[in-house]
Amino acid sequence: MRSWVMDSTTTSAGGPAFYTVPEAARVLRVTPATLYRAIRDDAFPAVRIRTRYVIPASAVDRLAAQAAESGGCVDVAAMAAQRRTAREIARMGGGASW
């Protein structure tokens, strides 16, 4: 019996923990090709497992919540640019301090 193994296919609320790209695209009302492009451009959060991508359901939920809270448009590309800039700053500042 494998009761110690966590079931990652559903969350405690009963929804999926991850979406496939076509599933997430359907939820977001975009084409899968648009979502794949955003993932490759590092403009949308995804988990890569070998040659396959999955989208954390929490990322889709968070985007919807941000749009609802702000009452405006959530620009995922701008969020990704901020994330890349922060990562680059951390990389530059993380070196040896001679």
PDB file of N, CA and C in Angstrom:
ATOM      1  N   MET A   1       0.845  -1.186   0.000  1.00  0.00           N
ATOM      2  CA  MET A   1       0.000   0.000   0.000  1.00  0.00           C
ATOM      3  C   MET A   1       0.882   1.238   0.000  1.00  0.00           C
ATOM      4  N   ARG A   2       0.610   2.190  -0.866  1.00  0.00           N
ATOM      5  CA  ARG A   2       1.442   3.383  -0.987  1.00  0.00           C
ATOM      6  C   ARG A   2       0.716   4.598  -0.445  1.00  0.00           C
ATOM      7  N   SER A   3       0.261   4.558   0.770  1.00  0.00           N
ATOM      8  CA  SER A   3      -0.502   5.667   1.330  1.00  0.00           C
ATOM      9  C   SER A   3       0.367   6.884   1.605  1.00  0.00           C
ATOM     10  N   TRP A   4       1.676   6.708   1.682  1.00  0.00           N
ATOM     11  CA  TRP A   4       2.581   7.820   1.953  1.00  0.00           C
ATOM     12  C   TRP A   4       2.834   8.672   0.717  1.00  0.00           C
ATOM     13  N   VAL A   5       2.463   8.204  -0.451  1.00  0.00           N
ATOM     14  CA  VAL A   5       2.683   8.944  -1.683  1.00  0.00           C
ATOM     15  C   VAL A   5       1.588   9.989  -1.835  1.00  0.00           C
ATOM     16  N   MET A   6       1.998  11.239  -2.006  1.00  0.00           N
ATOM     17  CA  MET A   6       1.035  12.320  -2.169  1.00  0.00           C
ATOM     18  C   MET A   6       0.456  12.291  -3.570  1.00  0.00           C
ATOM     19  N   ASP A   7      -0.825  12.416  -3.664  1.00  0.00           N
ATOM     20  CA  ASP A   7      -1.492  12.466  -4.957  1.00  0.00           C
ATOM     21  C   ASP A   7      -1.406  13.890  -5.480  1.00  0.00           C
ATOM     22  N   SER A   8      -0.562  14.126  -6.468  1.00  0.00           N
ATOM     23  CA  SER A   8      -0.357  15.480  -6.981  1.00  0.00           C
ATOM     24  C   SER A   8      -1.285  15.808  -8.144  1.00  0.00           C
ATOM     25  N   THR A   9      -2.217  14.912  -8.442  1.00  0.00           N
ATOM     26  CA  THR A   9      -3.112  15.189  -9.559  1.00  0.00           C
ATOM     27  C   THR A   9      -4.252  16.102  -9.161  1.00  0.00           C
ATOM     28  N   THR A  10      -4.545  16.183  -7.857  1.00  0.00           N
ATOM     29  CA  THR A  10      -5.605  17.075  -7.407  1.00  0.00           C
ATOM     30  C   THR A  10      -5.143  17.851  -6.187  1.00  0.00           C
ATOM     31  N   THR A  11      -5.740  19.014  -5.994  1.00  0.00           N
ATOM     32  CA  THR A  11      -5.458  19.814  -4.810  1.00  0.00           C
ATOM     33  C   THR A  11      -6.436  19.433  -3.720  1.00  0.00           C
ATOM     34  N   SER A  12      -6.252  19.996  -2.542  1.00  0.00           N
ATOM     35  CA  SER A  12      -7.157  19.694  -1.438  1.00  0.00           C
ATOM     36  C   SER A  12      -8.574  20.180  -1.737  1.00  0.00           C
ATOM     37  N   ALA A  13      -8.716  21.166  -2.597  1.00  0.00           N
ATOM     38  CA  ALA A  13     -10.033  21.678  -2.976  1.00  0.00           C
ATOM     39  C   ALA A  13     -10.695  20.803  -4.041  1.00  0.00           C
ATOM     40  N   GLY A  14      -9.982  19.809  -4.552  1.00  0.00           N
ATOM     41  CA  GLY A  14     -10.552  18.907  -5.542  1.00  0.00           C
ATOM     42  C   GLY A  14     -10.216  19.245  -6.971  1.00  0.00           C
ATOM     43  N   GLY A  15      -9.628  20.408  -7.227  1.00  0.00           N
ATOM     44  CA  GLY A  15      -9.243  20.779  -8.587  1.00  0.00           C
ATOM     45  C   GLY A  15      -7.883  20.191  -8.938  1.00  0.00           C
ATOM     46  N   PRO A  16      -7.479  20.302 -10.187  1.00  0.00           N
ATOM     47  CA  PRO A  16      -6.183  19.760 -10.591  1.00  0.00           C
ATOM     48  C   PRO A  16      -5.032  20.579 -10.011  1.00  0.00           C
ATOM     49  N   ALA A  17      -3.919  19.919  -9.732  1.00  0.00           N
ATOM     50  CA  ALA A  17      -2.720  20.610  -9.275  1.00  0.00           C
ATOM     51  C   ALA A  17      -1.982  21.214 -10.470  1.00  0.00           C
ATOM     52  N   PHE A  18      -2.082  20.546 -11.612  1.00  0.00           N
ATOM     53  CA  PHE A  18      -1.432  21.002 -12.838  1.00  0.00           C
ATOM     54  C   PHE A  18      -2.396  20.870 -14.005  1.00  0.00           C
ATOM     55  N   TYR A  19      -2.207  21.762 -14.984  1.00  0.00           N
ATOM     56  CA  TYR A  19      -2.925  21.670 -16.240  1.00  0.00           C
ATOM     57  C   TYR A  19      -1.940  21.300 -17.333  1.00  0.00           C
ATOM     58  N   THR A  20      -2.407  20.570 -18.335  1.00  0.00           N
ATOM     59  CA  THR A  20      -1.612  20.434 -19.549  1.00  0.00           C
ATOM     60  C   THR A  20      -1.684  21.782 -20.263  1.00  0.00           C
ATOM     61  N   VAL A  21      -0.821  21.998 -21.229  1.00  0.00           N
ATOM     62  CA  VAL A  21      -0.863  23.270 -21.959  1.00  0.00           C
ATOM     63  C   VAL A  21      -2.212  23.450 -22.667  1.00  0.00           C
ATOM     64  N   PRO A  22      -2.733  22.429 -23.354  1.00  0.00           N
ATOM     65  CA  PRO A  22      -4.057  22.632 -23.978  1.00  0.00           C
ATOM     66  C   PRO A  22      -5.164  22.922 -22.957  1.00  0.00           C
ATOM     67  N   GLU A  23      -5.111  22.292 -21.780  1.00  0.00           N
ATOM     68  CA  GLU A  23      -6.121  22.564 -20.753  1.00  0.00           C
ATOM     69  C   GLU A  23      -6.013  23.997 -20.249  1.00  0.00           C
ATOM     70  N   ALA A  24      -4.791  24.445 -19.949  1.00  0.00           N
ATOM     71  CA  ALA A  24      -4.594  25.814 -19.468  1.00  0.00           C
ATOM     72  C   ALA A  24      -4.997  26.820 -20.542  1.00  0.00           C
ATOM     73  N   ALA A  25      -4.659  26.524 -21.789  1.00  0.00           N
ATOM     74  CA  ALA A  25      -5.038  27.413 -22.891  1.00  0.00           C
ATOM     75  C   ALA A  25      -6.558  27.537 -22.979  1.00  0.00           C
ATOM     76  N   ARG A  26      -7.258  26.436 -22.791  1.00  0.00           N
ATOM     77  CA  ARG A  26      -8.726  26.466 -22.820  1.00  0.00           C
ATOM     78  C   ARG A  26      -9.267  27.325 -21.682  1.00  0.00           C
ATOM     79  N   VAL A  27      -8.703  27.178 -20.487  1.00  0.00           N
ATOM     80  CA  VAL A  27      -9.139  27.974 -19.334  1.00  0.00           C
ATOM     81  C   VAL A  27      -8.904  29.460 -19.601  1.00  0.00           C
ATOM     82  N   LEU A  28      -7.747  29.781 -20.186  1.00  0.00           N
ATOM     83  CA  LEU A  28      -7.367  31.175 -20.438  1.00  0.00           C
ATOM     84  C   LEU A  28      -7.951  31.720 -21.739  1.00  0.00           C
ATOM     85  N   ARG A  29      -8.594  30.872 -22.507  1.00  0.00           N
ATOM     86  CA  ARG A  29      -9.205  31.270 -23.781  1.00  0.00           C
ATOM     87  C   ARG A  29      -8.181  31.784 -24.790  1.00  0.00           C
ATOM     88  N   VAL A  30      -7.046  31.067 -24.876  1.00  0.00           N
ATOM     89  CA  VAL A  30      -6.030  31.347 -25.886  1.00  0.00           C
ATOM     90  C   VAL A  30      -5.713  30.034 -26.584  1.00  0.00           C
ATOM     91  N   THR A  31      -4.983  30.104 -27.664  1.00  0.00           N
ATOM     92  CA  THR A  31      -4.595  28.871 -28.349  1.00  0.00           C
ATOM     93  C   THR A  31      -3.407  28.250 -27.627  1.00  0.00           C
ATOM     94  N   PRO A  32      -3.257  26.935 -27.708  1.00  0.00           N
ATOM     95  CA  PRO A  32      -2.073  26.308 -27.122  1.00  0.00           C
ATOM     96  C   PRO A  32      -0.767  26.871 -27.689  1.00  0.00           C
ATOM     97  N   ALA A  33      -0.765  27.227 -28.982  1.00  0.00           N
ATOM     98  CA  ALA A  33       0.446  27.791 -29.590  1.00  0.00           C
ATOM     99  C   ALA A  33       0.839  29.096 -28.907  1.00  0.00           C
ATOM    100  N   THR A  34      -0.143  29.922 -28.574  1.00  0.00           N
ATOM    101  CA  THR A  34       0.136  31.184 -27.871  1.00  0.00           C
ATOM    102  C   THR A  34       0.755  30.900 -26.515  1.00  0.00           C
ATOM    103  N   LEU A  35       0.219  29.923 -25.813  1.00  0.00           N
ATOM    104  CA  LEU A  35       0.743  29.583 -24.490  1.00  0.00           C
ATOM    105  C   LEU A  35       2.139  28.980 -24.587  1.00  0.00           C
ATOM    106  N   TYR A  36       2.371  28.107 -25.567  1.00  0.00           N
ATOM    107  CA  TYR A  36       3.719  27.548 -25.765  1.00  0.00           C
ATOM    108  C   TYR A  36       4.735  28.656 -26.044  1.00  0.00           C
ATOM    109  N   ARG A  37       4.361  29.638 -26.881  1.00  0.00           N
ATOM    110  CA  ARG A  37       5.267  30.760 -27.173  1.00  0.00           C
ATOM    111  C   ARG A  37       5.595  31.528 -25.901  1.00  0.00           C
ATOM    112  N   ALA A  38       4.577  31.799 -25.083  1.00  0.00           N
ATOM    113  CA  ALA A  38       4.790  32.533 -23.839  1.00  0.00           C
ATOM    114  C   ALA A  38       5.705  31.748 -22.899  1.00  0.00           C
ATOM    115  N   ILE A  39       5.528  30.443 -22.840  1.00  0.00           N
ATOM    116  CA  ILE A  39       6.381  29.608 -21.985  1.00  0.00           C
ATOM    117  C   ILE A  39       7.813  29.655 -22.480  1.00  0.00           C
ATOM    118  N   ARG A  40       8.015  29.490 -23.783  1.00  0.00           N
ATOM    119  CA  ARG A  40       9.377  29.514 -24.338  1.00  0.00           C
ATOM    120  C   ARG A  40      10.044  30.874 -24.159  1.00  0.00           C
ATOM    121  N   ASP A  41       9.254  31.953 -24.172  1.00  0.00           N
ATOM    122  CA  ASP A  41       9.788  33.302 -23.974  1.00  0.00           C
ATOM    123  C   ASP A  41       9.944  33.644 -22.495  1.00  0.00           C
ATOM    124  N   ASP A  42       9.702  32.671 -21.623  1.00  0.00           N
ATOM    125  CA  ASP A  42       9.776  32.852 -20.166  1.00  0.00           C
ATOM    126  C   ASP A  42       8.785  33.921 -19.712  1.00  0.00           C
ATOM    127  N   ALA A  43       7.641  33.970 -20.384  1.00  0.00           N
ATOM    128  CA  ALA A  43       6.608  34.952 -20.047  1.00  0.00           C
ATOM    129  C   ALA A  43       5.399  34.303 -19.398  1.00  0.00           C
ATOM    130  N   PHE A  44       5.492  32.995 -19.121  1.00  0.00           N
ATOM    131  CA  PHE A  44       4.393  32.309 -18.451  1.00  0.00           C
ATOM    132  C   PHE A  44       4.983  31.170 -17.634  1.00  0.00           C
ATOM    133  N   PRO A  45       4.525  30.993 -16.388  1.00  0.00           N
ATOM    134  CA  PRO A  45       5.099  29.960 -15.533  1.00  0.00           C
ATOM    135  C   PRO A  45       4.711  28.554 -15.986  1.00  0.00           C
ATOM    136  N   ALA A  46       5.686  27.670 -15.993  1.00  0.00           N
ATOM    137  CA  ALA A  46       5.454  26.279 -16.370  1.00  0.00           C
ATOM    138  C   ALA A  46       6.525  25.407 -15.742  1.00  0.00           C
ATOM    139  N   VAL A  47       6.228  24.139 -15.676  1.00  0.00           N
ATOM    140  CA  VAL A  47       7.192  23.139 -15.218  1.00  0.00           C
ATOM    141  C   VAL A  47       7.503  22.262 -16.414  1.00  0.00           C
ATOM    142  N   ARG A  48       8.793  22.113 -16.712  1.00  0.00           N
ATOM    143  CA  ARG A  48       9.178  21.272 -17.847  1.00  0.00           C
ATOM    144  C   ARG A  48       9.618  19.919 -17.323  1.00  0.00           C
ATOM    145  N   ILE A  49       9.015  18.885 -17.855  1.00  0.00           N
ATOM    146  CA  ILE A  49       9.381  17.517 -17.527  1.00  0.00           C
ATOM    147  C   ILE A  49       9.768  16.850 -18.828  1.00  0.00           C
ATOM    148  N   ARG A  50      11.088  16.715 -18.997  1.00  0.00           N
ATOM    149  CA  ARG A  50      11.662  16.249 -20.260  1.00  0.00           C
ATOM    150  C   ARG A  50      11.200  17.132 -21.407  1.00  0.00           C
ATOM    151  N   THR A  51      10.356  16.641 -22.286  1.00  0.00           N
ATOM    152  CA  THR A  51       9.918  17.458 -23.427  1.00  0.00           C
ATOM    153  C   THR A  51       8.499  17.992 -23.245  1.00  0.00           C
ATOM    154  N   ARG A  52       7.937  17.805 -22.059  1.00  0.00           N
ATOM    155  CA  ARG A  52       6.548  18.194 -21.834  1.00  0.00           C
ATOM    156  C   ARG A  52       6.454  19.313 -20.802  1.00  0.00           C
ATOM    157  N   TYR A  53       5.522  20.217 -21.012  1.00  0.00           N
ATOM    158  CA  TYR A  53       5.267  21.290 -20.061  1.00  0.00           C
ATOM    159  C   TYR A  53       3.945  21.041 -19.354  1.00  0.00           C
ATOM    160  N   VAL A  54       3.893  21.384 -18.072  1.00  0.00           N
ATOM    161  CA  VAL A  54       2.637  21.429 -17.340  1.00  0.00           C
ATOM    162  C   VAL A  54       2.565  22.780 -16.651  1.00  0.00           C
ATOM    163  N   ILE A  55       1.356  23.259 -16.458  1.00  0.00           N
ATOM    164  CA  ILE A  55       1.121  24.577 -15.879  1.00  0.00           C
ATOM    165  C   ILE A  55       0.560  24.389 -14.470  1.00  0.00           C
ATOM    166  N   PRO A  56       1.210  24.962 -13.452  1.00  0.00           N
ATOM    167  CA  PRO A  56       0.623  24.868 -12.110  1.00  0.00           C
ATOM    168  C   PRO A  56      -0.740  25.556 -12.082  1.00  0.00           C
ATOM    169  N   ALA A  57      -1.731  24.854 -11.577  1.00  0.00           N
ATOM    170  CA  ALA A  57      -3.070  25.435 -11.478  1.00  0.00           C
ATOM    171  C   ALA A  57      -3.037  26.680 -10.598  1.00  0.00           C
ATOM    172  N   SER A  58      -2.152  26.693  -9.610  1.00  0.00           N
ATOM    173  CA  SER A  58      -2.053  27.864  -8.731  1.00  0.00           C
ATOM    174  C   SER A  58      -1.617  29.103  -9.507  1.00  0.00           C
ATOM    175  N   ALA A  59      -0.821  28.931 -10.560  1.00  0.00           N
ATOM    176  CA  ALA A  59      -0.390  30.073 -11.372  1.00  0.00           C
ATOM    177  C   ALA A  59      -1.575  30.664 -12.131  1.00  0.00           C
ATOM    178  N   VAL A  60      -2.413  29.804 -12.678  1.00  0.00           N
ATOM    179  CA  VAL A  60      -3.601  30.279 -13.396  1.00  0.00           C
ATOM    180  C   VAL A  60      -4.549  30.965 -12.412  1.00  0.00           C
ATOM    181  N   ASP A  61      -4.726  30.353 -11.232  1.00  0.00           N
ATOM    182  CA  ASP A  61      -5.600  30.943 -10.213  1.00  0.00           C
ATOM    183  C   ASP A  61      -5.074  32.294  -9.743  1.00  0.00           C
ATOM    184  N   ARG A  62      -3.752  32.392  -9.559  1.00  0.00           N
ATOM    185  CA  ARG A  62      -3.128  33.637  -9.098  1.00  0.00           C
ATOM    186  C   ARG A  62      -3.308  34.749 -10.126  1.00  0.00           C
ATOM    187  N   LEU A  63      -3.155  34.416 -11.407  1.00  0.00           N
ATOM    188  CA  LEU A  63      -3.354  35.421 -12.462  1.00  0.00           C
ATOM    189  C   LEU A  63      -4.793  35.923 -12.471  1.00  0.00           C
ATOM    190  N   ALA A  64      -5.736  35.017 -12.321  1.00  0.00           N
ATOM    191  CA  ALA A  64      -7.144  35.413 -12.302  1.00  0.00           C
ATOM    192  C   ALA A  64      -7.428  36.286 -11.085  1.00  0.00           C
ATOM    193  N   ALA A  65      -6.861  35.929  -9.938  1.00  0.00           N
ATOM    194  CA  ALA A  65      -7.080  36.714  -8.720  1.00  0.00           C
ATOM    195  C   ALA A  65      -6.478  38.113  -8.850  1.00  0.00           C
ATOM    196  N   GLN A  66      -5.282  38.205  -9.444  1.00  0.00           N
ATOM    197  CA  GLN A  66      -4.652  39.511  -9.628  1.00  0.00           C
ATOM    198  C   GLN A  66      -5.476  40.383 -10.551  1.00  0.00           C
ATOM    199  N   ALA A  67      -6.018  39.807 -11.606  1.00  0.00           N
ATOM    200  CA  ALA A  67      -6.847  40.580 -12.532  1.00  0.00           C
ATOM    201  C   ALA A  67      -8.119  41.058 -11.843  1.00  0.00           C
ATOM    202  N   ALA A  68      -8.718  40.182 -11.032  1.00  0.00           N
ATOM    203  CA  ALA A  68      -9.946  40.552 -10.330  1.00  0.00           C
ATOM    204  C   ALA A  68      -9.677  41.626  -9.278  1.00  0.00           C
ATOM    205  N   GLU A  69      -8.574  41.500  -8.550  1.00  0.00           N
ATOM    206  CA  GLU A  69      -8.247  42.471  -7.502  1.00  0.00           C
ATOM    207  C   GLU A  69      -7.879  43.832  -8.075  1.00  0.00           C
ATOM    208  N   SER A  70      -7.124  43.834  -9.169  1.00  0.00           N
ATOM    209  CA  SER A  70      -6.672  45.102  -9.737  1.00  0.00           C
ATOM    210  C   SER A  70      -7.781  45.791 -10.529  1.00  0.00           C
ATOM    211  N   GLY A  71      -8.707  45.005 -11.021  1.00  0.00           N
ATOM    212  CA  GLY A  71      -9.760  45.566 -11.847  1.00  0.00           C
ATOM    213  C   GLY A  71      -9.266  45.950 -13.227  1.00  0.00           C
ATOM    214  N   GLY A  72      -8.046  45.531 -13.541  1.00  0.00           N
ATOM    215  CA  GLY A  72      -7.459  45.886 -14.832  1.00  0.00           C
ATOM    216  C   GLY A  72      -6.811  44.691 -15.486  1.00  0.00           C
ATOM    217  N   CYS A  73      -5.930  44.989 -16.387  1.00  0.00           N
ATOM    218  CA  CYS A  73      -5.238  43.970 -17.159  1.00  0.00           C
ATOM    219  C   CYS A  73      -3.974  43.524 -16.433  1.00  0.00           C
ATOM    220  N   VAL A  74      -3.778  42.229 -16.318  1.00  0.00           N
ATOM    221  CA  VAL A  74      -2.551  41.681 -15.757  1.00  0.00           C
ATOM    222  C   VAL A  74      -1.645  41.344 -16.929  1.00  0.00           C
ATOM    223  N   ASP A  75      -0.508  41.997 -17.007  1.00  0.00           N
ATOM    224  CA  ASP A  75       0.428  41.792 -18.111  1.00  0.00           C
ATOM    225  C   ASP A  75       1.453  40.744 -17.698  1.00  0.00           C
ATOM    226  N   VAL A  76       1.260  39.515 -18.160  1.00  0.00           N
ATOM    227  CA  VAL A  76       2.136  38.412 -17.793  1.00  0.00           C
ATOM    228  C   VAL A  76       3.548  38.653 -18.329  1.00  0.00           C
ATOM    229  N   ALA A  77       3.677  39.261 -19.497  1.00  0.00           N
ATOM    230  CA  ALA A  77       4.998  39.537 -20.060  1.00  0.00           C
ATOM    231  C   ALA A  77       5.761  40.527 -19.183  1.00  0.00           C
ATOM    232  N   ALA A  78       5.088  41.528 -18.649  1.00  0.00           N
ATOM    233  CA  ALA A  78       5.742  42.492 -17.755  1.00  0.00           C
ATOM    234  C   ALA A  78       6.176  41.809 -16.461  1.00  0.00           C
ATOM    235  N   MET A  79       5.336  40.904 -15.959  1.00  0.00           N
ATOM    236  CA  MET A  79       5.705  40.161 -14.750  1.00  0.00           C
ATOM    237  C   MET A  79       6.935  39.303 -15.014  1.00  0.00           C
ATOM    238  N   ALA A  80       6.989  38.682 -16.174  1.00  0.00           N
ATOM    239  CA  ALA A  80       8.132  37.847 -16.525  1.00  0.00           C
ATOM    240  C   ALA A  80       9.391  38.693 -16.668  1.00  0.00           C
ATOM    241  N   ALA A  81       9.267  39.880 -17.251  1.00  0.00           N
ATOM    242  CA  ALA A  81      10.426  40.770 -17.398  1.00  0.00           C
ATOM    243  C   ALA A  81      10.958  41.182 -16.034  1.00  0.00           C
ATOM    244  N   GLN A  82      10.070  41.478 -15.102  1.00  0.00           N
ATOM    245  CA  GLN A  82      10.492  41.822 -13.738  1.00  0.00           C
ATOM    246  C   GLN A  82      11.193  40.639 -13.082  1.00  0.00           C
ATOM    247  N   ARG A  83      10.656  39.443 -13.307  1.00  0.00           N
ATOM    248  CA  ARG A  83      11.254  38.236 -12.739  1.00  0.00           C
ATOM    249  C   ARG A  83      12.653  37.999 -13.312  1.00  0.00           C
ATOM    250  N   ARG A  84      12.794  38.195 -14.637  1.00  0.00           N
ATOM    251  CA  ARG A  84      14.114  38.013 -15.268  1.00  0.00           C
ATOM    252  C   ARG A  84      15.105  39.044 -14.763  1.00  0.00           C
ATOM    253  N   THR A  85      14.663  40.295 -14.607  1.00  0.00           N
ATOM    254  CA  THR A  85      15.545  41.353 -14.103  1.00  0.00           C
ATOM    255  C   THR A  85      15.990  41.039 -12.684  1.00  0.00           C
ATOM    256  N   ALA A  86      15.072  40.623 -11.836  1.00  0.00           N
ATOM    257  CA  ALA A  86      15.418  40.278 -10.455  1.00  0.00           C
ATOM    258  C   ALA A  86      16.389  39.106 -10.421  1.00  0.00           C
ATOM    259  N   ARG A  87      16.180  38.127 -11.291  1.00  0.00           N
ATOM    260  CA  ARG A  87      17.079  36.969 -11.356  1.00  0.00           C
ATOM    261  C   ARG A  87      18.471  37.390 -11.807  1.00  0.00           C
ATOM    262  N   GLU A  88      18.540  38.295 -12.784  1.00  0.00           N
ATOM    263  CA  GLU A  88      19.832  38.782 -13.286  1.00  0.00           C
ATOM    264  C   GLU A  88      20.560  39.586 -12.217  1.00  0.00           C
ATOM    265  N   ILE A  89      19.846  40.429 -11.492  1.00  0.00           N
ATOM    266  CA  ILE A  89      20.461  41.205 -10.402  1.00  0.00           C
ATOM    267  C   ILE A  89      20.980  40.277  -9.325  1.00  0.00           C
ATOM    268  N   ALA A  90      20.201  39.264  -8.984  1.00  0.00           N
ATOM    269  CA  ALA A  90      20.637  38.304  -7.962  1.00  0.00           C
ATOM    270  C   ALA A  90      21.873  37.542  -8.445  1.00  0.00           C
ATOM    271  N   ARG A  91      21.910  37.193  -9.726  1.00  0.00           N
ATOM    272  CA  ARG A  91      23.061  36.484 -10.271  1.00  0.00           C
ATOM    273  C   ARG A  91      24.316  37.346 -10.232  1.00  0.00           C
ATOM    274  N   MET A  92      24.151  38.624 -10.600  1.00  0.00           N
ATOM    275  CA  MET A  92      25.293  39.536 -10.608  1.00  0.00           C
ATOM    276  C   MET A  92      25.790  39.832  -9.203  1.00  0.00           C
ATOM    277  N   GLY A  93      24.890  39.928  -8.254  1.00  0.00           N
ATOM    278  CA  GLY A  93      25.266  40.236  -6.888  1.00  0.00           C
ATOM    279  C   GLY A  93      25.656  39.033  -6.075  1.00  0.00           C
ATOM    280  N   GLY A  94      25.465  37.844  -6.618  1.00  0.00           N
ATOM    281  CA  GLY A  94      25.718  36.628  -5.865  1.00  0.00           C
ATOM    282  C   GLY A  94      27.130  36.087  -5.987  1.00  0.00           C
ATOM    283  N   GLY A  95      28.001  36.791  -6.703  1.00  0.00           N
ATOM    284  CA  GLY A  95      29.368  36.312  -6.904  1.00  0.00           C
ATOM    285  C   GLY A  95      30.247  36.531  -5.670  1.00  0.00           C
ATOM    286  N   ALA A  96      31.488  36.131  -5.789  1.00  0.00           N
ATOM    287  CA  ALA A  96      32.440  36.276  -4.693  1.00  0.00           C
ATOM    288  C   ALA A  96      32.742  37.764  -4.461  1.00  0.00           C
ATOM    289  N   SER A  97      32.878  38.132  -3.199  1.00  0.00           N
ATOM    290  CA  SER A  97      33.176  39.522  -2.865  1.00  0.00           C
ATOM    291  C   SER A  97      34.662  39.650  -2.541  1.00  0.00           C
ATOM    292  N   TRP A  98      35.494  39.832  -3.535  1.00  0.00           N
ATOM    293  CA  TRP A  98      36.941  39.921  -3.319  1.00  0.00           C
ATOM    294  C   TRP A  98      37.265  41.313  -2.917  1.00  0.00           C
TER     295      TRP A  98
END
